């Protein structure tokens, strides 16, 4: 298993599905609120059980099977209602997580590869390496700023990271800082520099070299906009739905405590055998249910912005390294092709 930034990437899906429960700390315990709420449900159920037991013994009420069935039916009704909406809520968050990764980060990655492939082809040879390496440097700066703006960096920390990675010069950093770290500034530099070289070397023609370059940089811009939108308040789940799901979970846990508390009280006053085992089964129900439901809510919280430091978030440092190496590979591959005379061989052939 490969770890990057403390997050999981490149794991064996089949192995994790078969034995992951015994290998990886469950994400449901990522926040102490899960354990606190589970304890609260157990305490609440114990209070209900004591109240019903005392009422039965005092003759105030009688724990009849019909009353038990009514409590269980009410809990079952809300379980079915919340289960449907809860599934939509979970998969909506997971869908956003995958969209940002595959469409936006993947779109930026693909557009950057195509951009470097075009630039390396239009300007082959080591004499143009300054241009190509500058485009790589600016592309990686744009990638870092894109991920950092929606991550957990402060703006000074983000600019310090860009400068530490030597992605921008001191003068470039000052200009980007002046514009609030806007990624568009860097993409405009790339477009302007490449177009200047195209015109300088007389490459402007009917094949539309400038148009191809512009299309790839605009695709990068589209991916940046997608990331910033999806992870902003504009792209978050509507607030009424968030309130509804939180309320349904809390109501369901309250009804669970009520139903199981009544069941425990009935077990204590009943004449049946195996009371300890019956109470233990109720305790298991009271423990597992809040862990599962609140754990799933915690999962939605984690994937709502996958650029943070949660263990399920994207391994951005690993993505940075892979993208940088891919872009440099296009420069080296084109230069090696020129050295081997590949172009001349096919043209003459």
Protein backbone atom coordinates (compact mmCIF):
# COMPACT_ATOMS: atom_id res chain seq x y z
CA UNK A 1 0.00 0.00 0.00
CA UNK A 2 1.31 3.43 -0.99
CA UNK A 3 0.93 6.36 1.36
CA UNK A 4 1.27 10.02 0.39
CA UNK A 5 0.54 12.86 2.78
CA UNK A 6 -0.96 10.28 5.14
CA UNK A 7 -3.68 9.44 2.62
CA UNK A 8 -4.26 6.20 0.76
CA UNK A 9 -3.55 5.98 -2.95
CA UNK A 10 -2.93 3.06 -5.26
CA UNK A 11 -4.32 0.47 -2.86
CA UNK A 12 -5.31 -3.07 -3.79
CA UNK A 13 -9.12 -2.81 -3.96
CA UNK A 14 -9.70 -6.56 -3.88
CA UNK A 15 -7.46 -7.06 -0.86
CA UNK A 16 -9.02 -4.17 1.04
CA UNK A 17 -12.56 -5.37 0.33
CA UNK A 18 -11.69 -8.83 1.65
CA UNK A 19 -9.71 -7.92 4.73
CA UNK A 20 -9.59 -4.15 5.03
CA UNK A 21 -11.64 -4.12 8.23
CA UNK A 22 -8.71 -5.75 10.03
CA UNK A 23 -5.98 -3.62 8.40
CA UNK A 24 -7.15 -0.01 8.25
CA UNK A 25 -8.53 2.18 10.98
CA UNK A 26 -12.16 2.80 10.12
CA UNK A 27 -12.90 6.39 9.04
CA UNK A 28 -15.96 6.44 11.31
CA UNK A 29 -13.65 7.09 14.27
CA UNK A 30 -11.85 9.96 12.56
CA UNK A 31 -13.70 12.45 14.78
CA UNK A 32 -14.42 11.96 18.52
CA UNK A 33 -18.02 13.13 18.00
CA UNK A 34 -18.85 9.62 16.72
CA UNK A 35 -17.84 8.04 20.03
CA UNK A 36 -19.48 10.84 22.04
CA UNK A 37 -22.78 10.41 20.24
CA UNK A 38 -22.65 6.63 20.66
CA UNK A 39 -22.11 7.01 24.40
CA UNK A 40 -24.96 9.54 24.56
CA UNK A 41 -27.33 7.09 22.83
CA UNK A 42 -26.36 4.35 25.30
CA UNK A 43 -26.94 6.68 28.26
CA UNK A 44 -30.26 7.85 26.83
CA UNK A 45 -31.42 4.27 26.26
CA UNK A 46 -30.41 3.37 29.83
CA UNK A 47 -32.42 6.34 31.13
CA UNK A 48 -35.47 5.26 29.13
CA UNK A 49 -35.09 1.68 30.38
CA UNK A 50 -34.90 2.83 34.00
CA UNK A 51 -37.92 5.11 33.53
CA UNK A 52 -40.08 2.42 31.91
CA UNK A 53 -38.98 -0.19 34.47
CA UNK A 54 -39.84 2.13 37.37
CA UNK A 55 -43.21 3.06 35.82
CA UNK A 56 -44.08 -0.60 35.35
CA UNK A 57 -43.13 -1.54 38.90
CA UNK A 58 -45.08 1.38 40.35
CA UNK A 59 -48.17 0.43 38.34
CA UNK A 60 -48.19 3.72 36.43
CA UNK A 61 -48.01 1.84 33.11
CA UNK A 62 -47.73 -1.72 31.83
CA UNK A 63 -45.12 -2.83 29.31
CA UNK A 64 -47.30 -4.76 26.90
CA UNK A 65 -46.13 -6.43 23.64
CA UNK A 66 -48.40 -4.08 21.66
CA UNK A 67 -46.52 -1.08 23.04
CA UNK A 68 -43.21 -2.71 22.15
CA UNK A 69 -44.41 -3.31 18.60
CA UNK A 70 -45.59 0.28 18.25
CA UNK A 71 -42.18 1.62 19.32
CA UNK A 72 -40.37 -0.74 16.97
CA UNK A 73 -42.72 0.18 14.10
CA UNK A 74 -42.12 3.91 14.59
CA UNK A 75 -38.38 3.34 14.56
CA UNK A 76 -38.69 1.18 11.43
CA UNK A 77 -40.71 3.85 9.62
CA UNK A 78 -38.08 6.51 10.18
CA UNK A 79 -35.34 4.03 9.31
CA UNK A 80 -36.87 3.43 5.90
CA UNK A 81 -37.43 7.14 5.29
CA UNK A 82 -33.94 8.20 6.29
CA UNK A 83 -32.34 5.23 4.53
CA UNK A 84 -33.57 6.42 1.13
CA UNK A 85 -32.57 10.05 1.64
CA UNK A 86 -29.37 9.07 3.41
CA UNK A 87 -28.27 6.98 0.43
CA UNK A 88 -28.83 9.92 -1.91
CA UNK A 89 -26.94 12.24 0.45
CA UNK A 90 -23.95 9.90 0.71
CA UNK A 91 -23.69 9.19 -3.02
CA UNK A 92 -24.13 12.87 -3.83
CA UNK A 93 -21.05 13.67 -1.75
CA UNK A 94 -19.14 10.74 -3.21
CA UNK A 95 -20.16 11.78 -6.72
CA UNK A 96 -18.72 15.25 -6.16
CA UNK A 97 -15.50 13.70 -4.84
CA UNK A 98 -15.09 11.59 -7.97
CA UNK A 99 -16.09 14.42 -10.31
CA UNK A 100 -13.42 16.73 -8.93
CA UNK A 101 -10.81 13.98 -9.18
CA UNK A 102 -11.64 12.54 -12.60
CA UNK A 103 -13.09 15.52 -14.49
CA UNK A 104 -11.29 18.54 -13.05
CA UNK A 105 -7.95 17.28 -11.76
CA UNK A 106 -7.85 14.72 -14.56
CA UNK A 107 -8.84 17.42 -17.06
CA UNK A 108 -6.02 19.69 -15.91
CA UNK A 109 -3.61 16.77 -16.04
CA UNK A 110 -4.62 15.78 -19.57
CA UNK A 111 -4.63 19.34 -20.92
CA UNK A 112 -1.15 19.94 -19.43
CA UNK A 113 0.21 16.78 -21.05
CA UNK A 114 -1.22 17.77 -24.43
CA UNK A 115 0.15 21.31 -24.05
CA UNK A 116 3.68 20.03 -23.40
CA UNK A 117 3.38 17.55 -26.25
CA UNK A 118 2.50 20.38 -28.66
CA UNK A 119 5.18 22.75 -27.33
CA UNK A 120 7.85 20.05 -27.42
CA UNK A 121 6.88 19.16 -30.99
CA UNK A 122 6.77 22.76 -32.20
CA UNK A 123 10.05 23.64 -30.48
CA UNK A 124 12.23 20.51 -30.47
CA UNK A 125 15.82 20.40 -29.40
CA UNK A 126 17.75 21.54 -26.32
CA UNK A 127 17.95 25.12 -27.61
CA UNK A 128 14.28 25.56 -26.71
CA UNK A 129 14.47 23.89 -23.29
CA UNK A 130 14.21 27.20 -21.46
CA UNK A 131 10.77 27.79 -22.97
CA UNK A 132 9.60 24.24 -22.33
CA UNK A 133 10.90 24.10 -18.77
CA UNK A 134 9.33 27.49 -18.06
CA UNK A 135 5.97 26.20 -19.27
CA UNK A 136 6.37 23.16 -17.00
CA UNK A 137 7.29 25.40 -14.08
CA UNK A 138 4.29 27.67 -14.60
CA UNK A 139 1.98 24.68 -15.08
CA UNK A 140 3.08 23.18 -11.79
CA UNK A 141 2.68 26.58 -10.11
CA UNK A 142 -0.88 26.76 -11.43
CA UNK A 143 -1.54 23.21 -10.16
CA UNK A 144 -0.16 24.05 -6.71
CA UNK A 145 -2.20 27.25 -6.43
CA UNK A 146 -5.35 25.51 -7.69
CA UNK A 147 -5.11 22.79 -5.03
CA UNK A 148 -3.86 25.12 -2.31
CA UNK A 149 -6.65 27.68 -2.64
CA UNK A 150 -9.25 25.06 -1.69
CA UNK A 151 -7.00 23.22 0.77
CA UNK A 152 -6.08 24.09 4.32
CA UNK A 153 -3.23 26.48 3.54
CA UNK A 154 -3.34 30.14 4.43
CA UNK A 155 -2.42 32.45 1.55
CA UNK A 156 1.07 33.24 2.95
CA UNK A 157 1.71 29.51 3.49
CA UNK A 158 0.58 28.74 -0.07
CA UNK A 159 2.84 31.36 -1.62
CA UNK A 160 5.72 30.17 0.57
CA UNK A 161 5.14 26.63 -0.74
CA UNK A 162 5.20 27.83 -4.36
CA UNK A 163 8.44 29.71 -3.75
CA UNK A 164 9.96 26.77 -1.85
CA UNK A 165 9.30 24.50 -4.83
CA UNK A 166 10.96 27.13 -7.05
CA UNK A 167 7.91 27.31 -9.28
CA UNK A 168 7.92 31.10 -9.45
CA UNK A 169 10.73 33.61 -9.33
CA UNK A 170 10.69 36.36 -6.72
CA UNK A 171 9.32 38.87 -9.24
CA UNK A 172 6.68 36.43 -10.46
CA UNK A 173 5.65 35.69 -6.89
CA UNK A 174 5.14 39.38 -6.21
CA UNK A 175 2.93 39.78 -9.28
CA UNK A 176 0.84 36.70 -8.42
CA UNK A 177 0.53 37.86 -4.81
CA UNK A 178 -0.62 41.28 -6.02
CA UNK A 179 -3.47 39.57 -7.89
CA UNK A 180 -4.47 37.41 -4.92
CA UNK A 181 -2.80 34.24 -6.17
CA UNK A 182 -5.05 34.07 -9.21
CA UNK A 183 -4.14 31.03 -11.32
CA UNK A 184 -5.30 32.78 -14.49
CA UNK A 185 -2.30 35.11 -14.25
CA UNK A 186 0.09 32.19 -14.67
CA UNK A 187 -1.90 30.59 -17.49
CA UNK A 188 -1.88 33.89 -19.37
CA UNK A 189 1.91 33.99 -19.06
CA UNK A 190 2.11 30.55 -20.65
CA UNK A 191 -0.20 31.45 -23.51
CA UNK A 192 1.55 34.75 -24.22
CA UNK A 193 5.05 33.27 -24.11
CA UNK A 194 4.25 30.34 -26.39
CA UNK A 195 2.39 32.51 -28.92
CA UNK A 196 5.31 34.93 -28.97
CA UNK A 197 7.70 32.10 -29.84
CA UNK A 198 5.35 30.78 -32.52
CA UNK A 199 5.24 34.17 -34.24
CA UNK A 200 8.96 34.75 -33.68
CA UNK A 201 9.90 31.54 -35.47
CA UNK A 202 7.35 32.02 -38.24
CA UNK A 203 5.25 29.01 -37.24
CA UNK A 204 1.94 30.80 -37.59
CA UNK A 205 0.08 29.19 -40.45
CA UNK A 206 -3.03 27.33 -41.63
CA UNK A 207 -2.35 24.40 -39.31
CA UNK A 208 -3.52 26.54 -36.39
CA UNK A 209 -0.65 26.11 -33.97
CA UNK A 210 -1.78 29.08 -31.88
CA UNK A 211 -5.31 27.73 -31.81
CA UNK A 212 -4.12 24.36 -30.50
CA UNK A 213 -2.07 25.99 -27.76
CA UNK A 214 -4.95 28.25 -26.76
CA UNK A 215 -7.35 25.30 -26.60
CA UNK A 216 -5.11 23.39 -24.17
CA UNK A 217 -4.52 26.38 -21.88
CA UNK A 218 -8.25 27.19 -21.90
CA UNK A 219 -8.88 23.54 -20.94
CA UNK A 220 -6.53 24.07 -18.00
CA UNK A 221 -8.49 27.19 -17.07
CA UNK A 222 -11.76 25.25 -17.24
CA UNK A 223 -10.37 22.58 -14.91
CA UNK A 224 -9.20 25.23 -12.44
CA UNK A 225 -12.65 26.81 -12.47
CA UNK A 226 -14.25 23.42 -11.89
CA UNK A 227 -12.11 22.71 -8.82
CA UNK A 228 -12.61 26.15 -7.29
CA UNK A 229 -16.36 26.04 -7.92
CA UNK A 230 -16.94 22.50 -6.66
CA UNK A 231 -15.07 23.13 -3.42
CA UNK A 232 -16.58 26.56 -2.72
CA UNK A 233 -19.88 27.43 -1.07
CA UNK A 234 -21.37 27.59 -4.56
CA UNK A 235 -20.76 23.90 -5.13
CA UNK A 236 -21.71 22.57 -1.70
CA UNK A 237 -24.80 20.55 -0.89
CA UNK A 238 -27.87 22.80 -0.36
CA UNK A 239 -28.19 23.80 3.28
CA UNK A 240 -31.85 22.64 3.70
CA UNK A 241 -30.83 19.11 2.69
CA UNK A 242 -27.95 19.17 5.18
CA UNK A 243 -30.31 20.23 7.98
CA UNK A 244 -32.82 17.55 6.96
CA UNK A 245 -30.26 14.74 6.98
CA UNK A 246 -28.83 15.82 10.34
CA UNK A 247 -32.34 16.00 11.81
CA UNK A 248 -33.33 12.59 10.44
CA UNK A 249 -30.24 10.95 11.91
CA UNK A 250 -30.81 12.55 15.30
CA UNK A 251 -34.54 11.61 15.29
CA UNK A 252 -33.68 8.05 14.30
CA UNK A 253 -31.14 7.71 17.10
CA UNK A 254 -33.65 9.12 19.59
CA UNK A 255 -36.28 6.59 18.47
CA UNK A 256 -33.66 3.84 18.63
CA UNK A 257 -32.85 4.73 22.24
CA UNK A 258 -36.58 4.86 23.04
CA UNK A 259 -37.35 1.52 21.40
CA UNK A 260 -34.36 -0.34 22.82
CA UNK A 261 -34.81 1.25 26.26
CA UNK A 262 -38.39 0.01 26.31
CA UNK A 263 -37.20 -3.41 25.17
CA UNK A 264 -34.57 -3.61 27.92
CA UNK A 265 -37.16 -2.61 30.53
CA UNK A 266 -39.53 -5.29 29.22
CA UNK A 267 -36.75 -7.88 29.39
CA UNK A 268 -36.11 -6.97 33.04
CA UNK A 269 -39.78 -7.33 34.08
CA UNK A 270 -40.48 -10.36 31.90
CA UNK A 271 -40.22 -13.95 33.15
CA UNK A 272 -38.23 -15.21 30.18
CA UNK A 273 -34.83 -16.90 30.42
CA UNK A 274 -31.53 -15.53 29.08
CA UNK A 275 -32.13 -11.92 30.08
CA UNK A 276 -28.44 -11.04 30.08
CA UNK A 277 -27.99 -12.17 26.49
CA UNK A 278 -31.12 -10.27 25.38
CA UNK A 279 -29.89 -7.07 26.99
CA UNK A 280 -26.47 -7.59 25.39
CA UNK A 281 -28.10 -7.79 21.94
CA UNK A 282 -29.88 -4.50 22.57
CA UNK A 283 -26.60 -2.90 23.66
CA UNK A 284 -24.99 -4.10 20.42
CA UNK A 285 -27.82 -2.49 18.45
CA UNK A 286 -27.43 0.74 20.41
CA UNK A 287 -23.70 0.79 19.76
CA UNK A 288 -23.48 -0.18 16.09
CA UNK A 289 -26.31 1.99 14.74
CA UNK A 290 -24.99 5.43 15.80
CA UNK A 291 -21.46 4.45 14.76
CA UNK A 292 -22.61 3.54 11.25
CA UNK A 293 -24.92 6.51 10.69
CA UNK A 294 -22.73 9.20 12.22
CA UNK A 295 -19.68 7.57 10.65
CA UNK A 296 -21.25 7.97 7.21
CA UNK A 297 -21.98 11.61 7.98
CA UNK A 298 -18.33 12.04 8.95
CA UNK A 299 -17.39 10.51 5.60
CA UNK A 300 -19.50 13.12 3.80
CA UNK A 301 -17.74 15.83 5.82
CA UNK A 302 -14.34 14.47 4.77
CA UNK A 303 -15.10 14.16 1.04
CA UNK A 304 -16.91 17.50 0.89
CA UNK A 305 -13.49 19.13 0.38
CA UNK A 306 -10.99 16.45 -0.67
CA UNK A 307 -8.01 18.86 -0.64
CA UNK A 308 -7.58 18.83 3.14
CA UNK A 309 -5.62 16.55 5.44
CA UNK A 310 -8.19 13.80 6.07
CA UNK A 311 -6.92 10.33 5.31
CA UNK A 312 -9.38 9.90 2.41
CA UNK A 313 -8.36 13.19 0.76
CA UNK A 314 -6.36 13.32 -2.44
CA UNK A 315 -2.60 12.72 -2.07
CA UNK A 316 -1.78 16.07 -3.67
CA UNK A 317 1.98 15.75 -3.16
CA UNK A 318 1.94 12.45 -5.04
CA UNK A 319 -0.19 13.94 -7.84
CA UNK A 320 2.22 16.89 -8.03
CA UNK A 321 5.20 14.59 -8.43
CA UNK A 322 3.50 12.40 -11.04
CA UNK A 323 2.30 15.37 -13.11
CA UNK A 324 5.71 17.05 -13.00
CA UNK A 325 7.49 13.86 -14.10
CA UNK A 326 4.97 13.32 -16.91
CA UNK A 327 5.48 16.82 -18.27
CA UNK A 328 9.27 16.56 -18.16
CA UNK A 329 8.99 13.23 -19.94
CA UNK A 330 7.46 14.92 -22.99
CA UNK A 331 10.47 17.24 -23.25
CA UNK A 332 12.96 14.39 -22.98
CA UNK A 333 11.01 12.15 -25.36
CA UNK A 334 10.91 14.80 -28.08
CA UNK A 335 14.61 15.63 -27.67
CA UNK A 336 15.53 11.93 -27.85
CA UNK A 337 13.47 11.61 -31.02
CA UNK A 338 15.43 14.45 -32.60
CA UNK A 339 18.73 12.85 -31.60
CA UNK A 340 17.76 9.51 -33.16
CA UNK A 341 16.68 11.22 -36.37
CA UNK A 342 13.17 9.81 -36.06
CA UNK A 343 11.48 12.69 -37.86
CA UNK A 344 13.88 12.64 -40.79
CA UNK A 345 13.57 8.88 -41.10
CA UNK A 346 9.80 8.93 -41.48
CA UNK A 347 9.78 11.99 -43.71
CA UNK A 348 12.29 10.45 -46.10
CA UNK A 349 10.71 7.04 -45.89
